[in-house]
C-alpha atoms as a PDB file:
ATOM      1  CA  MET A   1      98.727  92.986  91.337  1.00  0.00           C
ATOM      2  CA  ASP A   2      96.045  93.040  94.019  1.00  0.00           C
ATOM      3  CA  ILE A   3      95.888  96.757  94.889  1.00  0.00           C
ATOM      4  CA  LEU A   4      93.823  96.334  98.060  1.00  0.00           C
ATOM      5  CA  LYS A   5      96.137  93.609  99.292  1.00  0.00           C
ATOM      6  CA  ARG A   6      99.157  95.834  98.624  1.00  0.00           C
ATOM      7  CA  ILE A   7      97.594  98.727 100.580  1.00  0.00           C
ATOM      8  CA  TYR A   8      96.829  96.330 103.435  1.00  0.00           C
ATOM      9  CA  GLU A   9     100.392  94.936 103.461  1.00  0.00           C
ATOM     10  CA  LEU A  10     101.987  98.384 103.456  1.00  0.00           C
ATOM     11  CA  ARG A  11      99.673  99.527 106.249  1.00  0.00           C
ATOM     12  CA  VAL A  12     100.321  96.460 108.403  1.00  0.00           C
ATOM     13  CA  ASP A  13     104.085  96.640 107.765  1.00  0.00           C
ATOM     14  CA  ARG A  14     104.011 100.042 109.422  1.00  0.00           C
ATOM     15  CA  GLY A  15     101.881  98.783 112.299  1.00  0.00           C
ATOM     16  CA  TRP A  16      99.131 101.227 111.319  1.00  0.00           C
ATOM     17  CA  SER A  17      95.432 100.855 111.846  1.00  0.00           C
ATOM     18  CA  GLU A  18      93.049 101.678 109.042  1.00  0.00           C
ATOM     19  CA  TYR A  19      92.322 104.907 110.921  1.00  0.00           C
ATOM     20  CA  GLN A  20      96.018 105.879 110.967  1.00  0.00           C
ATOM     21  CA  LEU A  21      96.267 105.270 107.221  1.00  0.00           C
ATOM     22  CA  ALA A  22      93.174 107.396 106.670  1.00  0.00           C
ATOM     23  CA  GLU A  23      94.629 110.229 108.745  1.00  0.00           C
ATOM     24  CA  ALA A  24      98.019 110.115 107.000  1.00  0.00           C
ATOM     25  CA  SER A  25      96.363 109.962 103.577  1.00  0.00           C
ATOM     26  CA  GLU A  26      93.676 112.552 104.251  1.00  0.00           C
ATOM     27  CA  ILE A  27      91.013 110.089 103.107  1.00  0.00           C
ATOM     28  CA  SER A  28      88.082 109.149 105.312  1.00  0.00           C
ATOM     29  CA  GLN A  29      88.310 105.823 107.070  1.00  0.00           C
ATOM     30  CA  SER A  30      84.840 104.951 105.796  1.00  0.00           C
ATOM     31  CA  THR A  31      86.080 105.363 102.211  1.00  0.00           C
ATOM     32  CA  ILE A  32      89.016 103.025 102.788  1.00  0.00           C
ATOM     33  CA  SER A  33      86.817 100.549 104.614  1.00  0.00           C
ATOM     34  CA  SER A  34      84.264 100.567 101.788  1.00  0.00           C
ATOM     35  CA  TRP A  35      86.954  99.604  99.264  1.00  0.00           C
ATOM     36  CA  TYR A  36      87.424  96.354 101.151  1.00  0.00           C
ATOM     37  CA  ARG A  37      83.762  95.715 101.932  1.00  0.00           C
ATOM     38  CA  LYS A  38      82.693  96.270  98.328  1.00  0.00           C
ATOM     39  CA  ASP A  39      85.889  94.922  96.735  1.00  0.00           C
ATOM     40  CA  MET A  40      86.319  98.246  94.911  1.00  0.00           C
ATOM     41  CA  LEU A  41      89.529  99.756  93.631  1.00  0.00           C
ATOM     42  CA  PRO A  42      90.498 103.253  94.751  1.00  0.00           C
ATOM     43  CA  SER A  43      90.653 105.995  92.132  1.00  0.00           C
ATOM     44  CA  ILE A  44      94.049 107.126  90.901  1.00  0.00           C
ATOM     45  CA  GLY A  45      93.664 110.301  92.987  1.00  0.00           C
ATOM     46  CA  SER A  46      92.913 108.267  96.107  1.00  0.00           C
ATOM     47  CA  LEU A  47      95.804 105.929  95.410  1.00  0.00           C
ATOM     48  CA  GLU A  48      98.116 108.949  95.075  1.00  0.00           C
ATOM     49  CA  LYS A  49      96.913 110.153  98.498  1.00  0.00           C
ATOM     50  CA  ILE A  50      97.502 106.686  99.972  1.00  0.00           C
ATOM     51  CA  CYS A  51     101.038 106.661  98.579  1.00  0.00           C
ATOM     52  CA  LYS A  52     101.722 110.155  99.894  1.00  0.00           C
ATOM     53  CA  GLY A  53     100.410 109.132 103.314  1.00  0.00           C
ATOM     54  CA  LEU A  54     102.631 106.052 103.279  1.00  0.00           C
ATOM     55  CA  GLY A  55     105.612 108.139 102.188  1.00  0.00           C
ATOM     56  CA  ILE A  56     106.175 106.258  98.952  1.00  0.00           C
ATOM     57  CA  THR A  57     105.823 107.004  95.266  1.00  0.00           C
ATOM     58  CA  MET A  58     103.343 105.345  92.945  1.00  0.00           C
ATOM     59  CA  SER A  59     106.325 103.602  91.326  1.00  0.00           C
ATOM     60  CA  GLN A  60     107.322 102.147  94.675  1.00  0.00           C
ATOM     61  CA  PHE A  61     103.737 101.060  95.296  1.00  0.00           C
ATOM     62  CA  PHE A  62     103.638  99.079  92.057  1.00  0.00           C
ATOM     63  CA  ASP A  63     107.221  97.807  92.220  1.00  0.00           C
ATOM     64  CA  ASP A  64     107.113  94.208  93.449  1.00  0.00           C
ATOM     65  CA  SER A  65     110.797  94.367  94.348  1.00  0.00           C
ATOM     66  CA  ASN A  66     110.104  97.455  96.529  1.00  0.00           C
ATOM     67  CA  GLY A  67     112.422  99.494  94.317  1.00  0.00           C
ATOM     68  CA  SER A  68     115.376  97.508  95.550  1.00  0.00           C
ATOM     69  CA  GLY A  69     116.532  95.692  92.416  1.00  0.00           C
ATOM     70  CA  SER A  70     120.200  96.688  92.610  1.00  0.00           C
ATOM     71  CA  LEU A  71     120.511  97.317  96.342  1.00  0.00           C
ATOM     72  CA  THR A  72     122.444  95.304  98.873  1.00  0.00           C
ATOM     73  CA  ASP A  73     120.641  93.366 101.582  1.00  0.00           C
ATOM     74  CA  ASP A  74     121.598  96.016 104.148  1.00  0.00           C
ATOM     75  CA  GLN A  75     120.236  98.801 101.939  1.00  0.00           C
ATOM     76  CA  ARG A  76     116.959  96.913 101.501  1.00  0.00           C
ATOM     77  CA  ARG A  77     116.717  96.497 105.293  1.00  0.00           C
ATOM     78  CA  LEU A  78     117.217 100.237 105.748  1.00  0.00           C
ATOM     79  CA  LEU A  79     114.512 101.049 103.195  1.00  0.00           C
ATOM     80  CA  ARG A  80     112.053  98.644 104.798  1.00  0.00           C
ATOM     81  CA  GLY A  81     112.714 100.314 108.148  1.00  0.00           C
ATOM     82  CA  TRP A  82     112.341 103.779 106.613  1.00  0.00           C
ATOM     83  CA  GLU A  83     108.935 102.877 105.186  1.00  0.00           C
ATOM     84  CA  ARG A  84     107.683 102.042 108.681  1.00  0.00           C
ATOM     85  CA  LEU A  85     108.658 105.416 110.177  1.00  0.00           C
ATOM     86  CA  THR A  86     106.296 108.302 110.746  1.00  0.00           C
ATOM     87  CA  PRO A  87     107.177 111.618 109.073  1.00  0.00           C
ATOM     88  CA  GLY A  88     108.513 112.942 112.384  1.00  0.00           C
ATOM     89  CA  GLN A  89     110.682 109.879 112.885  1.00  0.00           C
ATOM     90  CA  ARG A  90     112.014 110.198 109.339  1.00  0.00           C
ATOM     91  CA  GLU A  91     112.986 113.813 109.941  1.00  0.00           C
ATOM     92  CA  SER A  92     114.738 112.874 113.214  1.00  0.00           C
ATOM     93  CA  LEU A  93     116.635 110.089 111.458  1.00  0.00           C
ATOM     94  CA  LEU A  94     117.739 112.421 108.665  1.00  0.00           C
ATOM     95  CA  VAL A  95     118.988 114.970 111.201  1.00  0.00           C
ATOM     96  CA  PHE A  96     120.873 112.205 112.998  1.00  0.00           C
ATOM     97  CA  LEU A  97     122.441 110.880 109.783  1.00  0.00           C
ATOM     98  CA  GLU A  98     123.488 114.365 108.692  1.00  0.00           C
ATOM     99  CA  SER A  99     125.217 114.842 112.054  1.00  0.00           C
ATOM    100  CA  LEU A 100     127.483 111.830 111.515  1.00  0.00           C
END
């Protein structure tokens, strides 16, 4: 797996800039940028911060099927949408779903 490519894909899927990823992950933008410029891999600690900022687990990061092996197509669509939401949007959606 190409770790930098995966980070890029997850960031772009959310419509985030590199700056937004840095803010959400509490990692400096210059650090993230240097990974790409120098073709360096992030440390495990940095990758954990990236995952936390993206709202996913390390397992989900490394799971090529996006953790959706036994899910229906509709469930996969919901999860893909969830991954694109900001923490505030996720909380609003949860409140809405619990009100149904």
